[in-house]
Amino acid sequence: MTRTNAAIVTAAGASTRMGDAHKATLDWGGVPLVTHQVQALAEASFDPIVVVTGAEGDSVADEIPEEATVIHNKEWQSGRSRSIAKGADALPDGVDAILVVAVDQPLDSDVLRRLVEHAGAPLIQPADDDGAGHPVILGGEYLNALRGIEHEEQGLRSIVDRARPEGIMITFDSLPHWDLNTPEAYRSSRASFERTDSE
């Protein structure tokens, strides 16, 4: 039986620490970061894919491939939980798995391929010696919980904690820990990614 693996990418924040650039439109492997995220998800057979925009909505939306549905969050200043809820609202009932990732957490194809093999479990999360990482994949039974998020303190973390006792942790020798919070950190992370990608 074919599973329906959905994805929500949140790209609504203002990226104030990045200066004039919005994180979603930063170059990542020769394409805007939001483009990279959608392409990686599509290659791993995620469908539907929803990208939630907010600040700089039009400029971010222009870089989103046609494989994804674009949802604009007018209340983006309320925090990421509101964007996750709007993304979940755009997903159809009956999905088997829901990946949730922020646009500034670049997806790694090798990590995605291993995680998606277990899609359908209540929770799938990668981990290495530094602890649990990103992205997280929740079972479809948590769709309504994601739709009902209203406050940051009742956000994704609380849902992940609820699912963890029956979840699966997939262990990797090393997960990428790229930091895109400042221009300097972004440049360092992009250089590291490009070295890894060329190996």
Protein backbone atom coordinates (compact mmCIF):
# COMPACT_ATOMS: atom_id res chain seq x y z
CA MET A 1 0.00 0.00 0.00
CA THR A 2 1.34 3.42 -0.95
CA ARG A 3 1.79 5.80 1.96
CA THR A 4 1.07 9.51 1.79
CA ASN A 5 4.05 11.35 3.25
CA ALA A 6 3.35 15.08 3.65
CA ALA A 7 5.71 17.91 4.57
CA ILE A 8 5.41 21.36 6.10
CA VAL A 9 8.23 23.86 5.59
CA THR A 10 7.98 27.01 7.68
CA ALA A 11 9.53 30.06 6.01
CA ALA A 12 7.61 32.91 7.61
CA GLY A 13 10.12 34.58 9.94
CA ALA A 14 11.75 37.91 9.25
CA SER A 15 15.39 36.68 9.44
CA THR A 16 16.37 39.90 11.19
CA ARG A 17 19.88 38.72 12.09
CA MET A 18 20.72 38.07 8.44
CA GLY A 19 20.71 41.74 7.49
CA ASP A 20 19.11 42.45 4.11
CA ALA A 21 18.81 38.79 3.14
CA HIS A 22 15.92 36.46 3.96
CA LYS A 23 17.07 32.97 4.96
CA ALA A 24 14.69 31.30 2.52
CA THR A 25 16.34 32.98 -0.45
CA LEU A 26 19.98 32.39 0.57
CA ASP A 27 22.07 30.39 -1.88
CA TRP A 28 22.37 26.73 -0.92
CA GLY A 29 24.11 24.51 -3.41
CA GLY A 30 23.43 26.90 -6.26
CA VAL A 31 19.71 27.39 -5.60
CA PRO A 32 17.70 29.40 -3.03
CA LEU A 33 17.43 27.52 0.25
CA VAL A 34 13.64 27.16 0.01
CA THR A 35 14.10 25.66 -3.46
CA HIS A 36 16.61 23.17 -2.05
CA GLN A 37 14.20 22.17 0.71
CA VAL A 38 11.30 21.49 -1.66
CA GLN A 39 13.48 19.65 -4.17
CA ALA A 40 14.94 17.41 -1.48
CA LEU A 41 11.47 16.58 -0.17
CA ALA A 42 10.09 15.87 -3.64
CA GLU A 43 13.03 13.58 -4.43
CA ALA A 44 12.27 11.66 -1.23
CA SER A 45 8.64 11.19 -2.40
CA PHE A 46 6.99 13.67 -0.05
CA ASP A 47 3.68 14.82 -1.52
CA PRO A 48 1.90 17.06 -0.65
CA ILE A 49 4.49 19.66 0.36
CA VAL A 50 3.31 22.92 1.94
CA VAL A 51 5.57 25.95 2.37
CA VAL A 52 4.30 28.62 4.76
CA THR A 53 5.53 32.15 4.03
CA GLY A 54 5.16 35.33 6.06
CA ALA A 55 7.65 38.19 6.08
CA GLU A 56 8.89 38.89 2.55
CA GLY A 57 6.15 36.56 1.35
CA ASP A 58 6.27 37.45 -2.35
CA SER A 59 10.05 37.21 -2.71
CA VAL A 60 10.08 33.84 -0.94
CA ALA A 61 7.10 32.53 -2.92
CA ASP A 62 8.87 33.36 -6.19
CA GLU A 63 11.56 30.79 -5.34
CA ILE A 64 9.25 27.92 -4.36
CA PRO A 65 9.07 25.10 -6.95
CA GLU A 66 5.72 24.05 -8.35
CA GLU A 67 5.85 20.77 -6.41
CA ALA A 68 4.85 22.72 -3.30
CA THR A 69 1.70 24.55 -2.26
CA VAL A 70 2.34 28.05 -0.89
CA ILE A 71 0.36 29.26 2.12
CA HIS A 72 0.82 32.82 3.37
CA ASN A 73 0.63 33.37 7.13
CA LYS A 74 -0.52 36.94 7.74
CA GLU A 75 0.02 36.33 11.46
CA TRP A 76 3.66 35.33 11.06
CA GLN A 77 4.71 37.62 13.91
CA SER A 78 2.75 35.37 16.28
CA GLY A 79 5.50 32.77 16.04
CA ARG A 80 6.33 29.53 14.28
CA SER A 81 3.50 27.55 15.89
CA ARG A 82 0.93 29.57 13.95
CA SER A 83 2.75 28.77 10.70
CA ILE A 84 2.80 25.05 11.51
CA ALA A 85 -0.94 25.15 12.24
CA LYS A 86 -1.69 26.89 8.93
CA GLY A 87 0.50 24.38 7.09
CA ALA A 88 -1.32 21.50 8.75
CA ASP A 89 -4.68 23.06 7.85
CA ALA A 90 -3.62 22.89 4.19
CA LEU A 91 -2.91 19.14 4.34
CA PRO A 92 -5.65 16.65 3.48
CA ASP A 93 -7.12 14.32 6.08
CA GLY A 94 -5.69 10.82 5.98
CA VAL A 95 -2.00 11.51 5.44
CA ASP A 96 0.21 8.79 6.90
CA ALA A 97 3.18 10.91 7.93
CA ILE A 98 3.98 14.60 8.35
CA LEU A 99 7.51 15.99 8.21
CA VAL A 100 7.92 19.41 9.82
CA VAL A 101 11.03 21.48 9.17
CA ALA A 102 12.07 25.12 9.30
CA VAL A 103 13.47 26.56 6.09
CA ASP A 104 16.75 27.36 7.90
CA GLN A 105 17.33 23.69 8.77
CA PRO A 106 18.75 22.49 5.42
CA LEU A 107 17.62 18.99 4.57
CA ASP A 108 20.18 16.28 3.85
CA SER A 109 19.16 13.74 1.19
CA ASP A 110 20.85 10.80 2.91
CA VAL A 111 19.10 11.59 6.20
CA LEU A 112 15.74 11.96 4.46
CA ARG A 113 16.07 8.66 2.62
CA ARG A 114 16.69 6.73 5.84
CA LEU A 115 13.94 8.47 7.79
CA VAL A 116 11.27 8.01 5.16
CA GLU A 117 11.79 4.22 5.24
CA HIS A 118 10.07 4.27 8.63
CA ALA A 119 7.30 6.75 7.77
CA GLY A 120 4.06 5.84 9.50
CA ALA A 121 5.51 5.42 13.00
CA PRO A 122 4.19 7.88 15.60
CA LEU A 123 7.53 9.73 15.54
CA ILE A 124 10.73 9.37 13.53
CA GLN A 125 13.71 11.51 14.45
CA PRO A 126 17.41 11.38 13.55
CA ALA A 127 20.06 11.41 16.25
CA ASP A 128 23.82 11.28 16.66
CA ASP A 129 26.22 11.55 19.60
CA ASP A 130 25.09 15.16 20.11
CA GLY A 131 21.47 14.11 20.60
CA ALA A 132 18.25 14.32 18.60
CA GLY A 133 18.23 16.40 15.42
CA HIS A 134 16.09 17.51 12.51
CA PRO A 135 13.81 16.94 10.74
CA VAL A 136 11.06 15.23 12.69
CA ILE A 137 8.36 13.11 11.08
CA LEU A 138 5.10 12.59 12.95
CA GLY A 139 2.49 9.95 12.28
CA GLY A 140 -0.67 11.09 10.53
CA GLU A 141 -2.62 10.67 13.76
CA TYR A 142 -1.02 13.93 14.93
CA LEU A 143 -2.42 16.03 12.06
CA ASN A 144 -5.23 17.47 14.17
CA ALA A 145 -2.81 18.22 17.01
CA LEU A 146 -0.67 20.22 14.58
CA ARG A 147 -3.76 22.02 13.31
CA GLY A 148 -4.67 22.95 16.87
CA ILE A 149 -1.40 24.57 17.90
CA GLU A 150 -2.15 28.04 19.25
CA HIS A 151 0.80 29.06 21.41
CA GLU A 152 4.55 28.50 21.32
CA GLU A 153 4.46 26.72 24.68
CA GLN A 154 1.99 24.22 23.17
CA GLY A 155 3.96 23.94 19.96
CA LEU A 156 5.77 21.28 18.02
CA ARG A 157 8.00 20.29 20.93
CA SER A 158 5.03 19.30 23.09
CA ILE A 159 3.60 17.14 20.29
CA VAL A 160 6.98 15.49 19.71
CA ASP A 161 7.26 14.79 23.44
CA ARG A 162 3.81 13.20 23.39
CA ALA A 163 4.76 10.95 20.45
CA ARG A 164 8.28 10.05 21.66
CA PRO A 165 7.40 7.00 23.86
CA GLU A 166 6.22 5.11 20.76
CA GLY A 167 8.62 6.78 18.36
CA ILE A 168 11.71 5.60 16.51
CA MET A 169 15.11 7.25 16.83
CA ILE A 170 17.33 6.66 13.78
CA THR A 171 21.00 6.86 14.71
CA PHE A 172 23.60 8.40 12.41
CA ASP A 173 27.36 8.54 12.85
CA SER A 174 27.10 12.29 12.40
CA LEU A 175 24.28 14.65 11.51
CA PRO A 176 24.91 17.97 9.76
CA HIS A 177 24.62 20.86 12.22
CA TRP A 178 24.54 23.87 9.94
CA ASP A 179 23.99 27.27 11.55
CA LEU A 180 22.25 29.92 9.45
CA ASN A 181 21.55 32.48 12.17
CA THR A 182 24.11 35.13 11.17
CA PRO A 183 25.85 36.03 7.88
CA GLU A 184 29.17 34.69 9.21
CA ALA A 185 27.65 31.40 10.38
CA TYR A 186 25.79 31.04 7.08
CA ARG A 187 28.95 31.49 5.01
CA SER A 188 30.78 28.90 7.08
CA SER A 189 27.89 26.42 6.88
CA ARG A 190 27.45 26.88 3.14
CA ALA A 191 31.15 26.24 2.55
CA SER A 192 30.95 23.09 4.70
CA PHE A 193 27.87 21.90 2.80
CA GLU A 194 29.48 22.49 -0.58
CA ARG A 195 32.59 20.54 0.47
CA THR A 196 30.45 17.65 1.69
CA ASP A 197 28.20 17.73 -1.37
CA SER A 198 31.19 17.48 -3.75
CA GLU A 199 32.72 14.45 -2.01
